[in-house]
Protein backbone atom coordinates (compact mmCIF):
# COMPACT_ATOMS: atom_id res chain seq x y z
CA MET A 1 23.22 18.03 15.73
CA ARG A 2 22.39 14.32 15.83
CA ILE A 3 24.66 12.13 13.74
CA GLY A 4 23.57 9.00 11.90
CA THR A 5 20.62 8.13 9.68
CA PRO A 6 18.20 11.08 9.27
CA GLY A 7 14.65 10.36 10.37
CA PHE A 8 15.57 7.54 12.74
CA VAL A 9 12.79 7.13 15.35
CA PRO A 10 14.25 6.13 18.75
CA ALA A 11 10.93 4.74 20.03
CA ARG A 12 10.96 2.20 17.19
CA LEU A 13 14.17 0.64 18.45
CA GLU A 14 12.74 0.20 21.93
CA GLU A 15 9.57 -1.26 20.39
CA ALA A 16 11.56 -3.68 18.23
CA ARG A 17 13.61 -4.83 21.20
CA ALA A 18 10.40 -5.50 23.13
CA ALA A 19 8.83 -7.38 20.20
CA ARG A 20 11.86 -9.65 19.92
CA ARG A 21 12.05 -10.13 23.69
CA ILE A 22 15.54 -8.70 23.91
CA LYS A 23 15.69 -7.82 27.57
CA THR A 24 18.66 -5.46 27.76
CA GLN A 25 20.49 -2.97 25.58
CA LYS A 26 23.65 -4.97 26.25
CA GLU A 27 22.12 -8.07 24.69
CA LEU A 28 21.25 -6.16 21.51
CA ALA A 29 24.69 -4.55 21.44
CA GLU A 30 26.31 -7.99 21.45
CA MET A 31 24.13 -9.05 18.53
CA LEU A 32 25.27 -6.05 16.49
CA GLY A 33 28.87 -5.97 17.66
CA VAL A 34 28.61 -2.43 19.07
CA LYS A 35 28.96 -0.93 22.52
CA PRO A 36 25.93 -0.88 24.85
CA SER A 37 26.37 2.88 25.11
CA ALA A 38 25.59 3.12 21.37
CA ILE A 39 22.23 1.39 21.85
CA SER A 40 21.51 3.68 24.81
CA ARG A 41 22.20 6.79 22.73
CA TRP A 42 20.03 5.50 19.86
CA GLU A 43 17.08 4.82 22.17
CA SER A 44 17.44 8.16 23.96
CA GLY A 45 17.61 10.05 20.66
CA GLU A 46 21.10 11.45 21.26
CA ALA A 47 22.38 9.69 18.16
CA ALA A 48 21.22 7.42 15.34
CA PRO A 49 22.84 4.39 13.70
CA GLU A 50 24.68 4.91 10.43
CA ALA A 51 23.01 3.63 7.26
CA GLU A 52 24.98 0.37 7.14
CA THR A 53 24.41 -0.32 10.84
CA LEU A 54 20.71 0.42 10.47
CA SER A 55 20.44 -2.13 7.67
CA ASP A 56 22.21 -4.71 9.83
CA LEU A 57 19.92 -3.88 12.74
CA ALA A 58 16.82 -4.39 10.59
CA LYS A 59 18.14 -7.67 9.23
CA ARG A 60 18.97 -9.11 12.65
CA LEU A 61 15.60 -8.14 14.09
CA ASN A 62 13.75 -9.35 10.98
CA LEU A 63 12.16 -5.99 10.25
CA ARG A 64 12.15 -3.68 7.28
CA ARG A 65 14.62 -0.81 7.37
CA GLU A 66 11.67 1.56 7.03
CA PHE A 67 10.35 0.31 10.36
CA PHE A 68 12.84 2.53 12.16
CA LEU A 69 11.95 5.57 10.07
CA ARG A 70 8.16 5.60 10.42
CA PRO A 71 6.72 7.73 13.27
CA VAL A 72 4.93 6.06 16.17
CA SER A 73 1.37 7.06 17.05
CA THR A 74 1.21 8.03 20.72
CA SER A 75 -1.81 8.00 22.98
CA SER A 76 -2.65 9.29 26.45
CA ARG A 77 -4.78 6.20 27.01
CA PRO A 78 -3.34 3.12 28.70
CA MET A 79 -3.17 -0.43 27.46
CA PHE A 80 -5.22 -2.37 29.98
CA GLN A 81 -3.06 -5.19 31.27
CA ARG A 82 -4.04 -7.40 34.20
CA ALA A 83 -0.79 -6.93 36.12
CA LEU A 84 2.13 -4.52 36.18
CA SER A 85 4.56 -6.73 38.11
CA SER A 86 8.26 -6.08 37.71
CA ASN A 87 8.70 -9.84 37.30
CA LEU A 88 6.79 -9.64 34.02
CA VAL A 89 8.61 -6.67 32.46
CA VAL A 90 9.80 -8.53 29.34
CA ASP A 91 6.42 -10.17 28.79
CA LEU A 92 4.48 -6.94 29.35
CA ARG A 93 6.70 -5.05 26.92
CA TYR A 94 6.23 -7.80 24.34
CA GLN A 95 2.46 -7.64 24.80
CA LYS A 96 2.45 -3.85 24.34
CA SER A 97 4.59 -4.05 21.21
CA GLN A 98 2.19 -6.55 19.65
CA MET A 99 -0.77 -4.32 20.45
CA GLY A 100 0.97 -1.41 18.73
CA TRP A 101 1.62 -3.55 15.65
CA LEU A 102 -1.97 -4.81 15.66
CA GLN A 103 -3.23 -1.22 15.58
CA GLU A 104 -0.87 -0.34 12.72
CA LEU A 105 -1.94 -3.39 10.74
CA SER A 106 -5.59 -2.50 11.29
CA ALA A 107 -5.05 1.12 10.23
CA VAL A 108 -3.39 0.09 6.96
CA LEU A 109 -6.17 -2.31 6.03
CA GLN A 110 -8.83 0.30 6.74
CA HIS A 111 -7.46 2.31 3.81
CA TYR A 112 -8.83 -0.43 1.57
CA VAL A 113 -11.62 -2.17 3.47
CA ASP A 114 -14.61 -0.84 5.41
CA PHE A 115 -14.56 -2.51 8.81
CA PRO A 116 -17.75 -2.84 10.90
CA ALA A 117 -18.63 0.45 12.57
CA VAL A 118 -17.83 0.73 16.27
CA ASN A 119 -21.08 0.06 18.12
CA ILE A 120 -20.33 0.61 21.80
CA PRO A 121 -22.97 2.69 23.57
CA ASN A 122 -22.08 5.42 26.02
CA VAL A 123 -23.39 3.68 29.12
CA LEU A 124 -21.71 6.11 31.52
CA ALA A 125 -23.74 9.07 30.19
CA GLY A 126 -21.09 11.58 31.20
CA ALA A 127 -20.34 10.02 34.59
CA SER A 128 -16.84 8.96 35.66
CA TRP A 129 -15.80 5.35 36.11
CA LYS A 130 -14.92 6.35 39.69
CA GLN A 131 -18.63 6.92 40.42
CA LEU A 132 -19.69 3.41 39.44
CA ARG A 133 -21.26 1.21 42.10
CA GLU A 134 -21.89 -2.51 41.89
CA ASN A 135 -25.56 -2.08 41.00
CA ASP A 136 -24.55 0.35 38.24
CA ILE A 137 -22.36 -2.32 36.67
CA GLU A 138 -25.17 -4.88 36.89
CA ARG A 139 -27.48 -2.43 35.13
CA ILE A 140 -24.91 -1.67 32.44
CA ALA A 141 -24.50 -5.39 31.67
CA LEU A 142 -28.22 -5.70 30.99
CA GLU A 143 -28.26 -2.48 28.94
CA LEU A 144 -25.45 -3.80 26.75
CA ARG A 145 -27.27 -7.07 26.13
CA HIS A 146 -30.43 -5.15 25.22
CA HIS A 147 -28.52 -2.80 22.92
CA TRP A 148 -26.93 -5.70 21.06
CA ARG A 149 -30.18 -7.73 21.10
CA MET A 150 -28.71 -10.70 22.93
CA GLY A 151 -31.53 -11.56 25.30
CA GLU A 152 -30.67 -12.70 28.83
CA GLY A 153 -29.66 -16.30 28.23
CA PRO A 154 -26.22 -17.84 27.63
CA CYS A 155 -23.92 -15.76 25.48
CA GLY A 156 -22.73 -17.00 22.11
CA ASP A 157 -19.16 -16.65 20.86
CA MET A 158 -17.64 -13.52 22.44
CA VAL A 159 -14.99 -13.18 19.72
CA ALA A 160 -17.68 -13.05 17.05
CA LEU A 161 -19.62 -10.49 19.09
CA LEU A 162 -16.57 -8.25 19.51
CA GLU A 163 -15.92 -8.25 15.78
CA ARG A 164 -19.58 -7.59 15.02
CA ILE A 165 -19.56 -4.42 17.13
CA GLY A 166 -16.40 -3.10 15.50
CA VAL A 167 -13.65 -4.29 17.86
CA ILE A 168 -10.47 -5.54 16.19
CA VAL A 169 -9.47 -8.86 17.76
CA SER A 170 -6.30 -10.88 17.48
CA THR A 171 -5.16 -14.01 19.29
CA LEU A 172 -1.53 -14.49 20.15
CA GLU A 173 0.66 -16.89 22.04
CA MET A 174 2.24 -14.77 24.76
CA GLY A 175 4.88 -17.30 25.73
CA THR A 176 3.75 -17.32 29.35
CA SER A 177 0.68 -18.46 31.25
CA ARG A 178 0.87 -15.40 33.50
CA LEU A 179 -0.54 -13.01 30.89
CA ASP A 180 -4.14 -12.86 29.76
CA GLY A 181 -5.80 -10.42 27.39
CA LEU A 182 -5.06 -6.81 26.57
CA CYS A 183 -7.33 -3.98 25.45
CA SER A 184 -6.49 -0.57 24.02
CA TRP A 185 -8.28 2.18 22.09
CA SER A 186 -6.26 3.10 19.00
CA PRO A 187 -5.34 6.81 18.73
CA VAL A 188 -5.44 6.49 14.92
CA ASP A 189 -9.01 5.33 14.27
CA GLU A 190 -10.68 5.59 17.70
CA ARG A 191 -11.41 1.89 17.62
CA PRO A 192 -10.85 -0.61 20.46
CA HIS A 193 -8.36 -3.40 19.80
CA VAL A 194 -8.14 -6.61 21.82
CA LEU A 195 -5.33 -9.15 22.06
CA LEU A 196 -6.30 -12.51 23.56
CA ALA A 197 -3.65 -14.93 24.82
CA THR A 198 -3.82 -18.48 23.49
CA ASP A 199 -1.67 -19.95 26.26
CA LYS A 200 -3.60 -22.54 28.36
CA MET A 201 -6.76 -21.47 26.55
CA SER A 202 -10.19 -23.08 26.61
CA PHE A 203 -13.50 -21.81 25.29
CA PRO A 204 -14.90 -20.82 28.73
CA ARG A 205 -11.70 -19.00 29.58
CA ARG A 206 -11.67 -17.19 26.24
CA GLN A 207 -15.27 -16.14 26.81
CA MET A 208 -14.33 -14.55 30.13
CA ASP A 209 -11.13 -12.97 28.77
CA ALA A 210 -12.98 -11.43 25.84
CA ALA A 211 -15.77 -10.17 28.09
CA HIS A 212 -13.18 -8.71 30.46
CA GLU A 213 -11.48 -6.75 27.67
CA LEU A 214 -14.86 -5.60 26.37
CA ALA A 215 -15.59 -4.29 29.86
CA HIS A 216 -12.48 -2.10 29.69
CA ALA A 217 -13.54 -0.76 26.30
CA VAL A 218 -16.99 0.08 27.68
CA LEU A 219 -16.16 1.44 31.13
CA HIS A 220 -12.62 2.79 30.90
CA ARG A 221 -12.34 4.48 27.53
CA ASN A 222 -11.33 7.81 29.06
CA VAL A 223 -9.06 6.51 31.80
CA THR A 224 -5.58 8.05 31.62
CA LYS A 225 -2.32 6.17 31.99
CA ASP A 226 -1.72 7.72 35.41
CA GLU A 227 -5.22 6.80 36.58
CA PHE A 228 -4.76 3.21 35.46
CA ARG A 229 -1.39 2.90 37.17
CA ASP A 230 -2.70 4.37 40.44
CA ASN A 231 -6.07 2.56 40.44
CA ILE A 232 -5.35 -0.73 38.66
CA ASP A 233 -6.96 -2.89 41.37
CA GLU A 234 -10.28 -1.01 41.30
CA ILE A 235 -10.31 -0.80 37.50
CA GLU A 236 -9.65 -4.53 37.19
CA LYS A 237 -12.32 -5.27 39.78
CA GLN A 238 -14.87 -3.33 37.72
CA ALA A 239 -13.88 -5.18 34.55
CA TYR A 240 -14.24 -8.57 36.26
CA ARG A 241 -17.64 -7.58 37.65
CA LEU A 242 -18.98 -6.41 34.29
CA ALA A 243 -17.59 -9.48 32.48
CA GLY A 244 -19.33 -11.82 34.91
CA ALA A 245 -22.56 -9.81 34.81
CA PHE A 246 -22.52 -9.79 31.02
CA LEU A 247 -21.93 -13.54 30.65
CA MET A 248 -24.20 -14.55 33.55
CA PRO A 249 -27.01 -11.98 33.90
CA SER A 250 -28.45 -11.32 37.36
CA THR A 251 -31.98 -11.77 35.98
CA THR A 252 -31.49 -15.36 34.84
CA PHE A 253 -28.31 -17.18 35.83
CA PRO A 254 -28.72 -17.32 39.65
CA TYR A 255 -32.25 -18.65 39.30
CA GLU A 256 -30.90 -21.74 37.55
CA VAL A 257 -28.70 -22.64 40.53
CA GLU A 258 -30.82 -25.22 42.34
CA ARG A 259 -28.12 -26.15 44.84
CA VAL A 260 -24.64 -24.88 45.60
CA SER A 261 -22.29 -27.69 44.61
CA LEU A 262 -19.55 -28.40 42.10
CA ALA A 263 -21.80 -30.96 40.42
CA GLN A 264 -24.42 -28.27 39.88
CA PHE A 265 -21.85 -25.85 38.51
CA LEU A 266 -20.58 -28.51 36.14
CA ALA A 267 -24.11 -29.02 34.81
CA LEU A 268 -24.54 -25.26 34.39
CA LYS A 269 -21.20 -25.06 32.61
CA GLY A 270 -22.61 -27.17 29.81
CA ARG A 271 -25.36 -24.61 29.26
CA TRP A 272 -23.69 -21.26 30.07
CA ARG A 273 -20.19 -22.21 28.90
CA THR A 274 -18.54 -20.39 31.77
CA SER A 275 -15.98 -21.96 34.05
CA ILE A 276 -16.83 -23.30 37.48
CA GLY A 277 -14.46 -20.77 39.01
CA ALA A 278 -16.25 -17.91 37.23
CA GLN A 279 -19.64 -19.22 38.40
CA ILE A 280 -18.47 -19.30 42.02
CA ARG A 281 -17.23 -15.74 41.78
CA ARG A 282 -20.47 -14.63 40.13
CA LEU A 283 -22.65 -16.11 42.88
CA ALA A 284 -20.47 -14.39 45.47
CA ASP A 285 -20.83 -11.07 43.62
CA LEU A 286 -24.62 -11.48 43.75
CA ASP A 287 -24.52 -12.45 47.47
CA VAL A 288 -26.07 -15.83 46.69
CA ILE A 289 -23.18 -17.37 48.64
CA ASP A 290 -21.16 -15.79 51.45
CA LYS A 291 -17.41 -15.30 51.62
CA ASP A 292 -16.77 -18.50 53.60
CA THR A 293 -18.79 -20.63 51.17
CA LYS A 294 -16.92 -19.06 48.28
CA THR A 295 -13.60 -19.96 49.90
CA ASP A 296 -14.72 -23.53 50.64
CA LEU A 297 -15.88 -24.03 47.04
CA TYR A 298 -12.58 -22.75 45.65
CA LYS A 299 -10.66 -25.09 47.96
CA LEU A 300 -12.78 -28.06 46.87
CA ARG A 301 -12.26 -27.12 43.23
CA SER A 302 -8.51 -26.96 43.82
CA ALA A 303 -8.51 -30.31 45.65
CA LYS A 304 -10.06 -31.92 42.59
CA GLY A 305 -7.21 -30.56 40.46
CA TRP A 306 -9.46 -28.24 38.48
CA THR A 307 -7.40 -25.08 38.93
CA LYS A 308 -5.46 -25.42 35.68
CA GLU A 309 -8.06 -27.33 33.71
CA GLU A 310 -11.69 -28.09 34.50
CA PRO A 311 -13.94 -30.84 33.16
CA MET A 312 -15.54 -29.94 29.81
CA ASP A 313 -12.85 -27.36 28.98
CA ARG A 314 -12.15 -29.23 25.75
CA GLU A 315 -15.80 -29.70 24.81
CA TRP A 316 -15.91 -26.66 22.52
CA SER A 317 -13.49 -25.66 19.80
CA LEU A 318 -12.07 -22.15 19.76
CA SER A 319 -13.19 -19.89 16.97
CA GLU A 320 -10.64 -17.51 15.50
CA PRO A 321 -11.00 -13.80 14.68
CA ARG A 322 -11.90 -13.17 11.03
CA THR A 323 -11.86 -9.42 10.33
CA LEU A 324 -8.16 -8.94 9.60
CA ARG A 325 -7.71 -12.27 7.83
CA GLU A 326 -10.67 -11.69 5.53
CA ALA A 327 -9.61 -8.09 4.87
CA LEU A 328 -6.16 -9.16 3.70
CA ASN A 329 -7.59 -11.90 1.52
CA LEU A 330 -10.05 -9.41 0.01
CA VAL A 331 -7.37 -6.83 -0.75
CA VAL A 332 -5.23 -9.40 -2.55
CA SER A 333 -8.01 -11.32 -4.33
CA SER A 334 -9.56 -8.10 -5.66
CA GLY A 335 -6.24 -7.09 -7.19
CA VAL A 336 -6.02 -3.82 -5.26
CA ARG A 337 -2.63 -4.83 -3.90
CA THR A 338 -0.42 -7.87 -4.34
CA LYS A 339 1.14 -9.59 -1.40
CA LEU A 340 4.55 -8.27 -2.41
CA ASP A 341 3.14 -4.75 -2.68
CA LEU A 342 1.79 -4.94 0.82
CA LEU A 343 5.11 -6.07 2.24
CA ALA A 344 7.15 -3.58 0.23
CA VAL A 345 4.97 -0.51 0.57
CA GLU A 346 2.40 -0.73 3.35
CA PHE A 347 3.76 -2.94 6.13
CA ILE A 348 6.98 -2.40 8.04
CA MET A 349 6.87 -5.61 10.08
CA ALA A 350 8.00 -9.03 8.92
CA SER A 351 5.56 -11.24 7.04
CA GLU A 352 5.61 -13.72 9.94
CA ASP A 353 4.48 -11.00 12.36
CA ILE A 354 1.58 -10.00 10.12
CA GLU A 355 0.51 -13.61 9.56
CA ARG A 356 0.49 -14.24 13.28
CA LEU A 357 -1.50 -11.11 14.18
CA ALA A 358 -4.00 -11.53 11.33
CA GLY A 359 -4.54 -15.24 11.94
CA LEU A 360 -3.20 -16.21 8.52
CA ALA A 361 -1.58 -19.53 7.75
CA SER A 362 2.18 -19.56 8.10
CA GLY A 363 3.73 -18.75 4.73
CA TRP A 364 0.62 -16.98 3.40
CA PHE A 365 2.72 -14.17 1.93
CA LEU A 366 4.85 -16.71 0.06
CA GLU A 367 1.88 -18.35 -1.63
CA LYS A 368 0.98 -17.22 -5.11
CA ALA A 369 -2.43 -15.66 -5.49
CA GLY A 370 -4.91 -17.81 -7.35
CA GLU A 371 -5.60 -17.02 -10.99
CA LEU A 372 -9.00 -17.04 -12.64
CA VAL A 373 -9.39 -19.79 -15.21
CA HIS A 374 -11.67 -19.01 -18.17
CA LEU A 375 -13.33 -21.85 -20.03
CA LYS A 376 -12.57 -21.86 -23.74
CA THR A 377 -15.52 -21.51 -26.13
CA LEU A 378 -15.69 -24.46 -28.52
CA SER A 379 -16.19 -23.01 -32.00
CA ASN A 380 -16.78 -26.36 -33.67
CA VAL A 381 -19.90 -27.10 -31.68
CA SER A 382 -22.99 -26.62 -33.84
CA SER A 383 -25.38 -23.93 -32.63
CA GLU A 384 -28.28 -25.49 -34.53
CA LYS A 385 -31.14 -26.83 -32.44
CA PRO A 386 -31.75 -30.58 -32.71
CA THR A 387 -34.70 -31.56 -34.91
CA GLY A 388 -36.99 -34.54 -34.84
CA SER A 389 -38.40 -36.42 -31.91
CA GLY A 390 -36.68 -38.89 -29.65
CA THR A 391 -37.44 -42.59 -29.38
CA VAL A 392 -38.81 -43.96 -26.14
CA VAL A 393 -37.10 -47.18 -25.13
CA PRO A 394 -39.21 -49.17 -22.61
CA PHE A 395 -37.59 -51.10 -19.77
CA SER A 396 -38.56 -54.72 -19.54
CA ARG A 397 -40.46 -55.75 -16.44
CA ARG A 398 -38.98 -58.42 -14.24
């Protein structure tokens, strides 16, 4: 029989440690003043912390006590991350924990607010992602644009598009420039969720990141965790190909390239709002340039110091996701729930975590909700209509 607090969920402790970037069980043990073996037994499910220790744990990790008592929704589907390097373990775990919290936040709000319906067509038509060829991906990109009535010119704001077709989007500082976006289908509502990193972000880069995560949602919905782990390079290659094909259609973009040069790509960047690096890769995908030319162009781009930041990167401001922020504001302004109610009953994360994921201003939960002000009716104002005619006063001419 397991001792300690009844209902304690071991997976929650591991999730909390990842969310707070606590690398080892020993580090958490030192924070609580317990032995590392105690943390190990809690996470394995062999034991659970006593009530007083659980309260201390929640306080130190800035979470509600109920966080550790609420079951975790599990899924056989992977979270599509760009890399699975052992050097990024802490960052990858943090990213996964935030995706889990994003899905929980979304699920709670959908009890009160109708989100846009998921509008992602079944472009595979029963086929497996393993059967996809390059020309299939090019065709799918055009089909998606036709389905969403986008035409074949430059794409607008990808974040706005994702939200319009029912994808839940959040932007988050990952704390490292080595992580990009993350996509995952929620097991609760069968809705894709996307986390976009804000580190070293520009509008062209966000466009490509968002398109990349959309590609995973479209092509790899039924990929299992084992398949993703064993085929990550091929799966990522498909996502990159579809993202480029979606942002720069084969029927239009290459025909605007009058000459292969960085100056030309810079001019096209102003119209297509895609990075020079992405344009080079796209032309190589379409066999407009060969492998050697691609390499030479990348070297020239690097020599100009454009690897980290390109010209025009700061030309366009970044738009922020709106769905979650507007849903929370609607719930509170309509009087369905107060901010304190939401924190005390619905959410198990800290207010700061929710504000960050929903794109709310820091301290939003501390602000008082606005009150309606009614104008007082003046009883001493006569309701009688004025009688008589007015007098016209002429202006003198100069």
